[in-house]
């Protein structure tokens, strides 16, 4: 009996759980049925609203009918939940076909609305095209007449521009313009120089917007046929440099017997123009009896050295000098000295700058130290570029070097702060900081790359 009672207890619990699930599902269905969203009738075109109202009414009636049937089911479930031990058979019909049909009717009205909306743009475009076609037909004769006139005027313009047998003078407009310029200009050294300068400037700058027109008082710079205004510093430098080279061929100057001095011809020019400047200088000044070229640019210096070293000139006929500034009891002075061999033998100035630091001996004056921060920074940047190749900042690269942290901090501050002049005068600590940090930097290079350091040290000995 006990086992039988337990059996019925388990079955009763299962039945109760099943009834609860059905009640929950039925409640969710009824809630969804009652909250089903439908478009507002005002959202439809006016001619579709009556059909939509009818469909909505049918849908509401079918929904109410189905809801009543579902309520009957709900009541039956509630009754069964309280009378689980009573067995009975009850037939309940739930017909959703009417609701589905009403829903299809609503969707049909919505589709008609959407189809009309989708076709609206096409209908509007067709109407606009029809109006345009009608308008063009009304002005067709006028358009054809104007087109004929335009074609005739273009033919006349082309004839005047290009020249031809139908003209009293067969030459083109450009040919006539050049003829006028040629007749107006004096056949002189000035005019020849203007033509040469224009051609050189075209090659140098790689564009044709600037040209030179000679006149009684000299040259006029034109940009696209109009007086040039607001020339850039690079354009001014290029014009001055090329004008000088053209004047070397002046009939009053004998280049092969003359002395030519060119002072820093690439200042204010972009780095890409260095090679053009060198090419023009080499070709135009190579025949000078004596040629002096001054420059602050190391890359340009290397081009000049390579030219002279491979020009076939005897060693006695070429020399490389550098300006050396010193401080004496009479004040600051400068003198010429042979260019350091490290600047001649190597592709970069790194070896020479290392030598400057290696041989640096301060005399206790700020003047003897003012260049050291900049040199130290260049040496540090170059060394870190190959020792710690990365896109990081100078500080980030230096931080990766295995060296005394305090000395690295001092080197970084020295290279950053004292290498940038602020205009407030020299820092009184420059002398002491230069002596200390030049030593720290050399110590770091030696500790991190001893083989590299030994090679640079050997190159820095007085015998080199």
Protein backbone atom coordinates (compact mmCIF):
# COMPACT_ATOMS: atom_id res chain seq x y z
CA UNK A 1 0.00 0.00 0.00
CA UNK A 2 2.83 2.35 0.82
CA UNK A 3 4.44 1.77 -2.58
CA UNK A 4 1.15 2.32 -4.31
CA UNK A 5 0.60 5.59 -2.41
CA UNK A 6 4.07 6.80 -3.36
CA UNK A 7 3.39 5.94 -7.00
CA UNK A 8 0.19 8.00 -7.10
CA UNK A 9 1.93 10.85 -5.29
CA UNK A 10 4.65 11.03 -7.97
CA UNK A 11 2.15 10.87 -10.80
CA UNK A 12 0.04 13.58 -9.19
CA UNK A 13 3.07 15.87 -8.94
CA UNK A 14 3.97 15.30 -12.59
CA UNK A 15 0.40 16.08 -13.64
CA UNK A 16 0.40 19.28 -11.61
CA UNK A 17 3.72 20.44 -13.15
CA UNK A 18 2.44 19.69 -16.66
CA UNK A 19 -0.76 21.67 -16.00
CA UNK A 20 1.28 24.63 -14.71
CA UNK A 21 3.45 24.63 -17.84
CA UNK A 22 0.38 24.59 -20.06
CA UNK A 23 -1.17 27.45 -18.10
CA UNK A 24 2.04 29.53 -18.46
CA UNK A 25 2.26 28.85 -22.19
CA UNK A 26 -1.42 29.72 -22.63
CA UNK A 27 -1.01 32.96 -20.66
CA UNK A 28 1.98 33.99 -22.83
CA UNK A 29 0.01 33.25 -26.00
CA UNK A 30 -2.95 35.31 -24.83
CA UNK A 31 -0.70 38.21 -23.82
CA UNK A 32 1.04 38.21 -27.23
CA UNK A 33 -2.31 38.04 -28.98
CA UNK A 34 -3.58 41.05 -27.07
CA UNK A 35 -0.45 43.20 -27.56
CA UNK A 36 0.24 42.52 -31.24
CA UNK A 37 1.32 45.94 -32.73
CA UNK A 38 -0.43 47.18 -35.86
CA UNK A 39 0.39 50.24 -38.04
CA UNK A 40 -1.64 53.40 -37.53
CA UNK A 41 -4.24 53.91 -40.27
CA UNK A 42 -2.93 57.45 -40.92
CA UNK A 43 0.36 55.95 -42.07
CA UNK A 44 -1.38 54.57 -45.16
CA UNK A 45 -2.30 56.38 -48.35
CA UNK A 46 -5.88 57.68 -48.16
CA UNK A 47 -7.17 55.31 -50.82
CA UNK A 48 -5.97 52.32 -48.78
CA UNK A 49 -7.40 53.31 -45.40
CA UNK A 50 -10.91 51.88 -45.97
CA UNK A 51 -9.49 48.47 -46.88
CA UNK A 52 -7.15 48.67 -43.91
CA UNK A 53 -10.03 49.54 -41.54
CA UNK A 54 -12.02 46.53 -42.80
CA UNK A 55 -9.04 44.24 -42.37
CA UNK A 56 -8.41 45.57 -38.85
CA UNK A 57 -12.06 45.00 -37.89
CA UNK A 58 -11.95 41.43 -39.21
CA UNK A 59 -8.70 40.85 -37.36
CA UNK A 60 -10.14 42.22 -34.10
CA UNK A 61 -13.25 40.01 -34.36
CA UNK A 62 -11.17 36.91 -35.11
CA UNK A 63 -8.79 37.74 -32.28
CA UNK A 64 -11.68 38.18 -29.81
CA UNK A 65 -13.20 34.88 -30.92
CA UNK A 66 -9.89 33.07 -30.47
CA UNK A 67 -9.33 34.77 -27.12
CA UNK A 68 -12.73 33.50 -25.91
CA UNK A 69 -11.78 29.98 -26.94
CA UNK A 70 -8.46 30.29 -25.15
CA UNK A 71 -10.25 31.52 -22.02
CA UNK A 72 -12.31 28.32 -22.10
CA UNK A 73 -9.11 26.32 -22.28
CA UNK A 74 -7.69 28.31 -19.38
CA UNK A 75 -10.81 27.61 -17.27
CA UNK A 76 -10.56 23.91 -18.06
CA UNK A 77 -6.92 23.87 -17.00
CA UNK A 78 -7.73 25.66 -13.75
CA UNK A 79 -10.55 23.22 -13.06
CA UNK A 80 -8.35 20.23 -13.77
CA UNK A 81 -5.65 21.66 -11.50
CA UNK A 82 -8.05 21.53 -8.54
CA UNK A 83 -9.59 18.17 -9.52
CA UNK A 84 -6.53 16.20 -10.49
CA UNK A 85 -7.92 12.89 -9.12
CA UNK A 86 -11.11 13.15 -11.17
CA UNK A 87 -11.06 11.65 -14.64
CA UNK A 88 -13.27 13.21 -17.35
CA UNK A 89 -13.19 13.95 -21.09
CA UNK A 90 -13.87 17.50 -22.34
CA UNK A 91 -13.81 18.69 -25.99
CA UNK A 92 -12.73 22.33 -26.67
CA UNK A 93 -12.20 23.75 -30.20
CA UNK A 94 -9.67 26.56 -30.87
CA UNK A 95 -9.91 27.79 -34.47
CA UNK A 96 -7.14 30.24 -35.56
CA UNK A 97 -7.91 30.10 -39.28
CA UNK A 98 -10.02 33.26 -39.14
CA UNK A 99 -7.26 35.17 -37.39
CA UNK A 100 -4.67 33.99 -39.94
CA UNK A 101 -6.90 35.04 -42.84
CA UNK A 102 -7.45 38.49 -41.32
CA UNK A 103 -3.68 38.85 -40.78
CA UNK A 104 -3.02 37.99 -44.43
CA UNK A 105 -5.50 40.68 -45.45
CA UNK A 106 -3.64 43.26 -43.34
CA UNK A 107 -0.31 42.21 -44.87
CA UNK A 108 -1.83 42.55 -48.33
CA UNK A 109 -2.84 46.17 -47.62
CA UNK A 110 0.65 46.90 -46.21
CA UNK A 111 2.27 45.45 -49.35
CA UNK A 112 0.09 47.61 -51.61
CA UNK A 113 1.19 50.65 -49.60
CA UNK A 114 4.89 49.68 -49.87
CA UNK A 115 4.62 48.95 -53.60
CA UNK A 116 3.18 52.39 -54.21
CA UNK A 117 5.92 54.00 -52.12
CA UNK A 118 8.65 52.09 -53.96
CA UNK A 119 7.25 53.20 -57.30
CA UNK A 120 6.93 56.83 -56.27
CA UNK A 121 10.56 57.78 -57.05
CA UNK A 122 10.35 56.11 -60.44
CA UNK A 123 7.07 57.83 -61.19
CA UNK A 124 8.55 61.17 -60.16
CA UNK A 125 11.67 60.59 -62.31
CA UNK A 126 9.52 59.59 -65.29
CA UNK A 127 7.42 62.71 -64.87
CA UNK A 128 10.51 64.94 -64.62
CA UNK A 129 11.98 63.31 -67.72
CA UNK A 130 8.75 63.85 -69.62
CA UNK A 131 8.69 67.53 -68.60
CA UNK A 132 12.34 67.93 -69.59
CA UNK A 133 11.73 66.29 -72.95
CA UNK A 134 8.76 68.54 -73.59
CA UNK A 135 10.76 71.66 -72.70
CA UNK A 136 13.70 70.64 -74.91
CA UNK A 137 11.37 70.14 -77.82
CA UNK A 138 10.12 73.70 -77.43
CA UNK A 139 13.67 75.15 -77.64
CA UNK A 140 15.19 72.65 -80.10
CA UNK A 141 15.42 75.14 -82.96
CA UNK A 142 17.08 77.74 -80.73
CA UNK A 143 19.58 75.18 -79.37
CA UNK A 144 20.47 73.95 -82.87
CA UNK A 145 21.02 77.52 -84.05
CA UNK A 146 23.28 78.37 -81.09
CA UNK A 147 25.20 75.09 -81.52
CA UNK A 148 25.91 75.98 -85.16
CA UNK A 149 27.12 79.44 -84.13
CA UNK A 150 29.33 77.95 -81.39
CA UNK A 151 30.85 75.47 -83.85
CA UNK A 152 31.66 78.27 -86.32
CA UNK A 153 33.18 80.45 -83.59
CA UNK A 154 35.29 77.53 -82.32
CA UNK A 155 36.54 76.85 -85.82
CA UNK A 156 37.53 80.52 -86.18
CA UNK A 157 39.19 80.48 -82.74
CA UNK A 158 41.13 77.31 -83.57
CA UNK A 159 42.27 78.82 -86.85
CA UNK A 160 43.51 81.97 -85.11
CA UNK A 161 45.20 79.93 -82.38
CA UNK A 162 46.80 77.25 -84.57
CA UNK A 163 47.30 79.24 -87.77
CA UNK A 164 46.48 78.12 -91.30
CA UNK A 165 46.28 78.93 -95.00
CA UNK A 166 42.99 80.84 -94.60
CA UNK A 167 44.78 83.61 -92.67
CA UNK A 168 46.79 86.49 -94.13
CA UNK A 169 49.64 85.33 -91.87
CA UNK A 170 49.70 81.52 -91.59
CA UNK A 171 51.56 81.47 -88.25
CA UNK A 172 49.90 80.35 -85.01
CA UNK A 173 49.15 82.65 -82.10
CA UNK A 174 52.09 81.22 -80.14
CA UNK A 175 54.42 81.72 -83.10
CA UNK A 176 53.23 85.31 -83.51
CA UNK A 177 53.70 85.96 -79.78
CA UNK A 178 57.22 84.57 -79.86
CA UNK A 179 57.96 86.60 -82.98
CA UNK A 180 56.80 89.77 -81.24
CA UNK A 181 58.94 88.96 -78.20
CA UNK A 182 61.93 88.19 -80.39
CA UNK A 183 61.58 91.46 -82.29
CA UNK A 184 61.02 93.50 -79.16
CA UNK A 185 63.94 92.01 -77.29
CA UNK A 186 67.41 93.20 -78.09
CA UNK A 187 69.73 90.58 -79.44
CA UNK A 188 72.02 90.96 -76.46
CA UNK A 189 73.72 89.14 -73.66
CA UNK A 190 70.83 90.03 -71.35
CA UNK A 191 68.24 88.38 -73.58
CA UNK A 192 70.36 85.29 -74.14
CA UNK A 193 70.78 85.06 -70.39
CA UNK A 194 67.00 85.30 -69.93
CA UNK A 195 66.39 82.36 -72.23
CA UNK A 196 69.12 80.32 -70.56
CA UNK A 197 67.83 81.16 -67.10
CA UNK A 198 64.29 80.11 -68.03
CA UNK A 199 65.51 76.77 -69.37
CA UNK A 200 67.69 76.17 -66.31
CA UNK A 201 64.87 77.04 -63.92
CA UNK A 202 62.54 74.64 -65.73
CA UNK A 203 65.06 71.82 -65.28
CA UNK A 204 65.95 72.78 -61.71
CA UNK A 205 62.40 73.07 -60.34
CA UNK A 206 60.86 70.46 -62.61
CA UNK A 207 58.00 72.74 -63.64
CA UNK A 208 57.29 75.45 -66.22
CA UNK A 209 55.17 77.98 -64.33
CA UNK A 210 58.10 80.41 -63.87
CA UNK A 211 59.95 82.07 -66.72
CA UNK A 212 62.07 85.18 -67.33
CA UNK A 213 61.28 87.90 -69.77
CA UNK A 214 64.07 90.28 -70.69
CA UNK A 215 63.54 94.01 -70.90
CA UNK A 216 65.46 97.21 -71.24
CA UNK A 217 66.24 97.27 -67.52
CA UNK A 218 66.86 93.57 -66.90
CA UNK A 219 64.60 90.59 -66.29
CA UNK A 220 61.02 90.25 -65.14
CA UNK A 221 59.99 87.04 -63.39
CA UNK A 222 56.64 85.77 -64.66
CA UNK A 223 54.43 83.06 -63.24
CA UNK A 224 52.03 81.66 -65.85
CA UNK A 225 52.48 84.81 -67.93
CA UNK A 226 51.84 87.26 -65.08
CA UNK A 227 54.34 89.07 -62.83
CA UNK A 228 55.34 86.60 -60.10
CA UNK A 229 54.46 87.54 -56.53
CA UNK A 230 55.30 85.98 -53.18
CA UNK A 231 58.16 83.81 -54.37
CA UNK A 232 59.11 81.15 -51.83
CA UNK A 233 62.54 81.22 -50.19
CA UNK A 234 63.45 78.11 -52.18
CA UNK A 235 62.42 79.79 -55.45
CA UNK A 236 64.42 82.90 -54.56
CA UNK A 237 67.51 80.82 -53.79
CA UNK A 238 67.13 78.81 -57.00
CA UNK A 239 66.75 81.98 -59.08
CA UNK A 240 69.79 83.66 -57.51
CA UNK A 241 71.93 80.53 -57.87
CA UNK A 242 70.95 79.88 -61.50
CA UNK A 243 71.32 83.55 -62.40
CA UNK A 244 74.87 83.45 -61.08
CA UNK A 245 75.66 80.34 -63.13
CA UNK A 246 74.19 81.87 -66.29
CA UNK A 247 76.26 85.03 -65.75
CA UNK A 248 79.39 82.87 -65.75
CA UNK A 249 78.90 82.69 -69.53
CA UNK A 250 78.68 86.45 -69.82
CA UNK A 251 80.69 87.75 -72.73
CA UNK A 252 82.55 90.03 -70.32
CA UNK A 253 83.77 87.11 -68.17
CA UNK A 254 86.29 84.49 -69.24
CA UNK A 255 85.46 81.42 -67.15
CA UNK A 256 88.61 79.49 -68.05
CA UNK A 257 90.74 82.36 -66.73
CA UNK A 258 88.43 83.45 -63.93
CA UNK A 259 88.07 82.80 -60.21
CA UNK A 260 84.61 81.63 -59.11
CA UNK A 261 83.44 81.73 -55.47
CA UNK A 262 80.10 80.12 -54.56
CA UNK A 263 78.85 80.51 -50.97
CA UNK A 264 76.44 77.83 -49.72
CA UNK A 265 74.27 77.53 -52.86
CA UNK A 266 71.72 75.17 -51.27
CA UNK A 267 70.57 77.23 -48.28
CA UNK A 268 66.74 77.44 -48.16
CA UNK A 269 66.43 74.62 -50.70
CA UNK A 270 64.61 71.36 -50.03
CA UNK A 271 66.84 68.33 -49.52
CA UNK A 272 65.55 66.94 -52.82
CA UNK A 273 67.05 69.96 -54.63
CA UNK A 274 70.61 69.31 -53.40
CA UNK A 275 71.38 66.98 -56.30
CA UNK A 276 69.95 69.39 -58.89
CA UNK A 277 72.03 72.21 -57.43
CA UNK A 278 75.14 70.05 -57.50
CA UNK A 279 74.48 68.97 -61.09
CA UNK A 280 74.13 72.56 -62.32
CA UNK A 281 77.17 73.73 -60.36
CA UNK A 282 79.31 70.89 -61.68
CA UNK A 283 78.32 71.41 -65.32
CA UNK A 284 78.44 75.20 -65.35
CA UNK A 285 81.51 75.88 -63.17
CA UNK A 286 83.78 72.93 -63.96
CA UNK A 287 85.90 74.91 -66.43
CA UNK A 288 86.79 77.72 -64.01
CA UNK A 289 90.47 78.32 -63.52
CA UNK A 290 89.92 78.48 -59.76
CA UNK A 291 86.76 77.38 -57.96
CA UNK A 292 85.98 78.02 -54.29
CA UNK A 293 82.81 76.45 -52.84
CA UNK A 294 81.66 77.11 -49.28
CA UNK A 295 78.94 75.03 -47.62
CA UNK A 296 77.48 74.12 -44.25
CA UNK A 297 75.75 71.01 -45.59
CA UNK A 298 77.61 67.73 -45.08
CA UNK A 299 75.64 65.85 -47.76
CA UNK A 300 76.48 68.54 -50.31
CA UNK A 301 80.11 68.46 -49.14
CA UNK A 302 80.29 64.72 -49.84
CA UNK A 303 78.99 65.28 -53.38
CA UNK A 304 81.70 67.88 -53.96
CA UNK A 305 84.45 65.67 -52.54
CA UNK A 306 83.34 62.72 -54.66
CA UNK A 307 83.37 64.97 -57.74
CA UNK A 308 86.86 66.31 -57.11
CA UNK A 309 88.29 62.93 -56.10
CA UNK A 310 87.13 61.44 -59.41
CA UNK A 311 87.69 64.45 -61.65
CA UNK A 312 91.24 63.59 -62.63
CA UNK A 313 92.64 66.64 -60.87
CA UNK A 314 96.04 66.20 -59.32
CA UNK A 315 96.12 66.17 -55.54
CA UNK A 316 98.12 69.38 -55.60
CA UNK A 317 95.35 71.08 -57.58
CA UNK A 318 92.58 70.38 -55.07
CA UNK A 319 92.23 70.94 -51.35
CA UNK A 320 89.56 70.73 -48.68
CA UNK A 321 89.54 73.21 -45.82
CA UNK A 322 87.42 73.84 -42.75
CA UNK A 323 86.89 76.88 -40.54
CA UNK A 324 88.17 76.35 -37.00
CA UNK A 325 87.05 78.80 -34.31
CA UNK A 326 89.24 79.38 -31.27
CA UNK A 327 89.33 81.66 -28.25
CA UNK A 328 92.56 83.53 -27.56
CA UNK A 329 93.55 86.27 -25.19
CA UNK A 330 92.64 88.75 -27.90
CA UNK A 331 89.14 87.33 -28.29
CA UNK A 332 87.44 84.85 -30.56
CA UNK A 333 89.14 84.12 -33.86
CA UNK A 334 88.76 81.80 -36.81
CA UNK A 335 91.27 80.27 -39.19
CA UNK A 336 91.34 77.82 -42.06
CA UNK A 337 92.68 74.33 -41.45
CA UNK A 338 92.77 71.19 -43.59
CA UNK A 339 89.46 69.34 -43.57
CA UNK A 340 89.58 66.48 -41.10
CA UNK A 341 90.35 63.25 -42.94
CA UNK A 342 87.42 61.53 -41.22
CA UNK A 343 85.03 63.85 -43.07
CA UNK A 344 86.68 62.87 -46.35
CA UNK A 345 86.94 59.13 -45.79
CA UNK A 346 83.49 58.41 -44.36
CA UNK A 347 79.97 58.76 -45.71
CA UNK A 348 78.63 60.40 -42.53
CA UNK A 349 79.97 62.91 -40.03
CA UNK A 350 79.50 60.46 -37.14
CA UNK A 351 83.19 59.45 -36.98
CA UNK A 352 84.33 63.07 -36.96
CA UNK A 353 81.81 64.10 -34.29
CA UNK A 354 82.96 61.19 -32.10
CA UNK A 355 86.52 62.44 -32.51
CA UNK A 356 85.45 65.95 -31.41
CA UNK A 357 83.99 64.50 -28.21
CA UNK A 358 86.93 62.15 -27.71
CA UNK A 359 89.50 64.96 -27.99
CA UNK A 360 87.38 67.58 -26.18
CA UNK A 361 89.32 69.46 -23.53
CA UNK A 362 87.55 72.43 -21.97
CA UNK A 363 89.57 75.51 -21.07
CA UNK A 364 86.90 76.54 -18.59
CA UNK A 365 85.14 79.01 -20.89
CA UNK A 366 81.59 78.74 -22.17
CA UNK A 367 82.80 79.51 -25.69
CA UNK A 368 84.88 76.34 -25.80
CA UNK A 369 81.84 74.26 -24.81
CA UNK A 370 78.86 75.82 -26.57
CA UNK A 371 79.00 73.34 -29.49
CA UNK A 372 79.40 70.20 -27.36
CA UNK A 373 75.68 69.61 -26.51
CA UNK A 374 74.69 69.58 -30.19
CA UNK A 375 77.56 67.28 -31.10
CA UNK A 376 76.76 64.98 -28.18
CA UNK A 377 73.14 64.75 -29.27
CA UNK A 378 74.08 63.87 -32.87
CA UNK A 379 76.53 61.20 -31.71
CA UNK A 380 73.96 59.81 -29.26
CA UNK A 381 71.19 59.72 -31.89
CA UNK A 382 73.39 58.02 -34.48
CA UNK A 383 74.71 55.45 -32.01
CA UNK A 384 71.24 54.57 -30.71
CA UNK A 385 69.82 54.37 -34.25
CA UNK A 386 71.97 51.35 -35.03
CA UNK A 387 72.32 49.94 -31.50
CA UNK A 388 68.61 50.19 -30.59
CA UNK A 389 66.80 50.33 -33.97
CA UNK A 390 63.20 51.30 -33.30
CA UNK A 391 60.66 54.08 -33.82
CA UNK A 392 60.79 55.16 -30.20
CA UNK A 393 61.95 58.49 -28.83
CA UNK A 394 65.55 59.21 -27.92
CA UNK A 395 64.66 58.68 -24.26
CA UNK A 396 62.95 55.34 -25.00
CA UNK A 397 65.97 54.08 -26.94
CA UNK A 398 68.39 55.25 -24.26
CA UNK A 399 66.29 53.54 -21.59
CA UNK A 400 66.88 50.17 -23.31
CA UNK A 401 70.67 50.51 -23.09
CA UNK A 402 72.30 48.49 -20.31
CA UNK A 403 74.25 51.25 -18.56
CA UNK A 404 74.27 53.20 -15.30
CA UNK A 405 70.79 54.76 -14.91
CA UNK A 406 72.04 57.96 -13.27
CA UNK A 407 74.53 58.58 -16.05
CA UNK A 408 71.92 57.82 -18.72
CA UNK A 409 69.60 60.39 -17.13
CA UNK A 410 72.40 62.97 -17.12
CA UNK A 411 73.25 62.23 -20.78
CA UNK A 412 69.60 62.54 -21.84
CA UNK A 413 69.08 65.85 -20.01
CA UNK A 414 72.34 67.25 -21.39
CA UNK A 415 71.57 66.23 -24.98
CA UNK A 416 67.99 67.52 -24.83
CA UNK A 417 68.11 70.67 -22.72
CA UNK A 418 71.47 72.18 -23.59
CA UNK A 419 71.40 71.36 -27.31
CA UNK A 420 68.39 73.67 -27.83
CA UNK A 421 69.18 77.35 -27.45
CA UNK A 422 66.32 79.24 -25.81
CA UNK A 423 67.54 82.75 -26.50
CA UNK A 424 67.98 83.47 -22.79
CA UNK A 425 71.75 83.20 -22.89
CA UNK A 426 74.08 80.33 -22.06
CA UNK A 427 73.54 78.17 -19.01
CA UNK A 428 76.37 78.81 -16.51
CA UNK A 429 76.51 75.07 -15.91
CA UNK A 430 77.44 74.42 -19.55
CA UNK A 431 81.17 74.04 -18.90
CA UNK A 432 80.87 71.51 -16.08
CA UNK A 433 78.02 69.64 -17.76
CA UNK A 434 79.92 69.40 -21.06
CA UNK A 435 83.02 67.93 -19.41
CA UNK A 436 81.00 65.43 -17.36
CA UNK A 437 78.46 64.29 -19.96
CA UNK A 438 80.90 63.99 -22.86
CA UNK A 439 82.80 61.58 -20.64
CA UNK A 440 79.60 59.70 -19.68
CA UNK A 441 78.58 59.31 -23.33
CA UNK A 442 81.96 57.89 -24.33
CA UNK A 443 81.85 55.53 -21.34
CA UNK A 444 78.42 54.28 -22.40
CA UNK A 445 79.49 53.61 -25.99
CA UNK A 446 82.55 51.76 -24.76
CA UNK A 447 80.53 49.67 -22.30
CA UNK A 448 77.74 48.81 -24.73
CA UNK A 449 79.75 48.35 -27.94
CA UNK A 450 83.44 47.92 -27.06
CA UNK A 451 84.51 46.78 -30.53
CA UNK A 452 82.73 49.75 -32.08
CA UNK A 453 84.32 52.10 -29.56
CA UNK A 454 87.81 50.71 -30.13
CA UNK A 455 87.48 51.33 -33.86
CA UNK A 456 86.34 54.91 -33.36
CA UNK A 457 89.05 55.50 -30.78
CA UNK A 458 91.71 54.31 -33.21
CA UNK A 459 90.37 56.67 -35.89
CA UNK A 460 90.46 59.57 -33.42
CA UNK A 461 94.17 59.34 -32.68
CA UNK A 462 96.36 62.30 -33.75
CA UNK A 463 97.89 60.28 -36.59
CA UNK A 464 94.56 60.35 -38.46
